[in-house]
Amino acid sequence: MASTTLSQQPDSSPPPWWKFGYVWLILAGPIVVIFAGFYTLWLAIKTPDPVISADYYRQGIEINKTLVDKTLLPALNGRNHAATPPVDQPAPR
């Protein structure tokens, strides 16, 4: 029976780091995030935010008043008058 010593073992240096699959699996997440960040930056530069009018808030209030005035929101009216006695409820339009 032959015994092997350290001097008789073949010189087996480990392979370089890029030859291991787990290294690429670990690096894949940050690499994808970096590419997604650059894509988001490109998208933000390519499509700037639209300019809105100076009185956008007033226009929104007017739209909501129009919807309520035309009774397009029956749930709102029903909720407000659900506990009101029938004699005190407003006449239907």
Protein backbone atom coordinates (compact mmCIF):
# COMPACT_ATOMS: atom_id res chain seq x y z
CA MET A 1 0.00 0.00 0.00
CA ALA A 2 1.49 3.26 -1.09
CA SER A 3 0.98 6.34 0.98
CA THR A 4 0.88 9.74 -0.59
CA THR A 5 2.58 12.70 0.92
CA LEU A 6 2.06 16.37 0.27
CA SER A 7 4.96 16.47 -2.14
CA GLN A 8 3.48 13.71 -4.29
CA GLN A 9 0.00 15.26 -4.75
CA PRO A 10 -0.62 16.90 -8.10
CA ASP A 11 -0.62 20.70 -8.22
CA SER A 12 -4.32 21.47 -8.36
CA SER A 13 -4.91 25.19 -8.08
CA PRO A 14 -8.53 26.21 -7.80
CA PRO A 15 -10.20 27.61 -10.93
CA PRO A 16 -10.65 31.39 -11.22
CA TRP A 17 -13.67 32.98 -9.55
CA TRP A 18 -15.59 33.60 -12.76
CA LYS A 19 -15.75 29.87 -13.45
CA PHE A 20 -18.14 29.28 -10.56
CA GLY A 21 -21.87 29.49 -11.33
CA TYR A 22 -22.87 30.66 -7.87
CA VAL A 23 -20.76 33.78 -8.25
CA TRP A 24 -22.79 34.79 -11.31
CA LEU A 25 -26.01 33.92 -9.53
CA ILE A 26 -25.09 36.27 -6.68
CA LEU A 27 -23.91 39.04 -9.03
CA ALA A 28 -26.99 38.79 -11.27
CA GLY A 29 -29.27 40.66 -8.84
CA PRO A 30 -27.16 43.82 -8.49
CA ILE A 31 -26.36 43.82 -12.21
CA VAL A 32 -30.06 43.70 -13.10
CA VAL A 33 -30.79 46.53 -10.65
CA ILE A 34 -28.07 48.70 -12.22
CA PHE A 35 -29.50 48.15 -15.71
CA ALA A 36 -33.03 48.85 -14.45
CA GLY A 37 -31.81 52.10 -12.87
CA PHE A 38 -30.24 53.27 -16.12
CA TYR A 39 -33.40 52.31 -18.03
CA THR A 40 -35.51 54.30 -15.56
CA LEU A 41 -33.20 57.30 -15.91
CA TRP A 42 -33.41 57.07 -19.72
CA LEU A 43 -37.20 56.81 -19.53
CA ALA A 44 -37.45 59.82 -17.22
CA ILE A 45 -35.28 61.95 -19.49
CA LYS A 46 -37.06 60.82 -22.66
CA THR A 47 -40.60 61.52 -21.39
CA PRO A 48 -40.67 64.62 -19.19
CA ASP A 49 -43.65 65.42 -17.01
CA PRO A 50 -46.47 67.25 -18.81
CA VAL A 51 -47.04 70.89 -18.01
CA ILE A 52 -50.28 71.54 -16.17
CA SER A 53 -52.24 74.73 -16.04
CA ALA A 54 -51.74 77.14 -13.18
CA ASP A 55 -55.31 76.71 -11.93
CA TYR A 56 -55.46 72.91 -12.03
CA TYR A 57 -56.86 72.76 -8.50
CA ARG A 58 -59.74 75.11 -9.31
CA GLN A 59 -60.57 73.08 -12.44
CA GLY A 60 -60.73 69.88 -10.36
CA ILE A 61 -63.10 71.51 -7.88
CA GLU A 62 -65.35 72.67 -10.74
CA ILE A 63 -65.42 69.16 -12.23
CA ASN A 64 -66.42 67.68 -8.88
CA LYS A 65 -69.13 70.30 -8.37
CA THR A 66 -70.53 69.47 -11.81
CA LEU A 67 -70.63 65.75 -10.99
CA VAL A 68 -72.41 66.31 -7.68
CA ASP A 69 -74.82 68.85 -9.19
CA LYS A 70 -75.83 66.44 -11.95
CA THR A 71 -76.35 63.72 -9.34
CA LEU A 72 -73.91 61.42 -11.04
CA LEU A 73 -72.98 60.27 -7.57
CA PRO A 74 -76.18 58.62 -6.24
CA ALA A 75 -74.27 56.77 -3.54
CA LEU A 76 -73.18 60.06 -2.04
CA ASN A 77 -76.73 61.36 -1.98
CA GLY A 78 -78.05 58.07 -0.61
CA ARG A 79 -75.45 58.00 2.12
CA ASN A 80 -76.21 61.55 3.18
CA HIS A 81 -79.96 60.92 3.39
CA ALA A 82 -80.03 57.34 4.68
CA ALA A 83 -80.72 58.38 8.27
CA THR A 84 -82.96 61.32 7.40
CA PRO A 85 -86.66 60.71 8.05
CA PRO A 86 -88.73 60.53 4.82
CA VAL A 87 -90.59 63.75 5.62
CA ASP A 88 -87.34 65.71 5.79
CA GLN A 89 -85.77 64.22 2.65
CA PRO A 90 -85.59 66.45 -0.43
CA ALA A 91 -87.93 65.78 -3.30
CA PRO A 92 -86.46 63.57 -6.08
CA ARG A 93 -85.35 65.43 -9.18
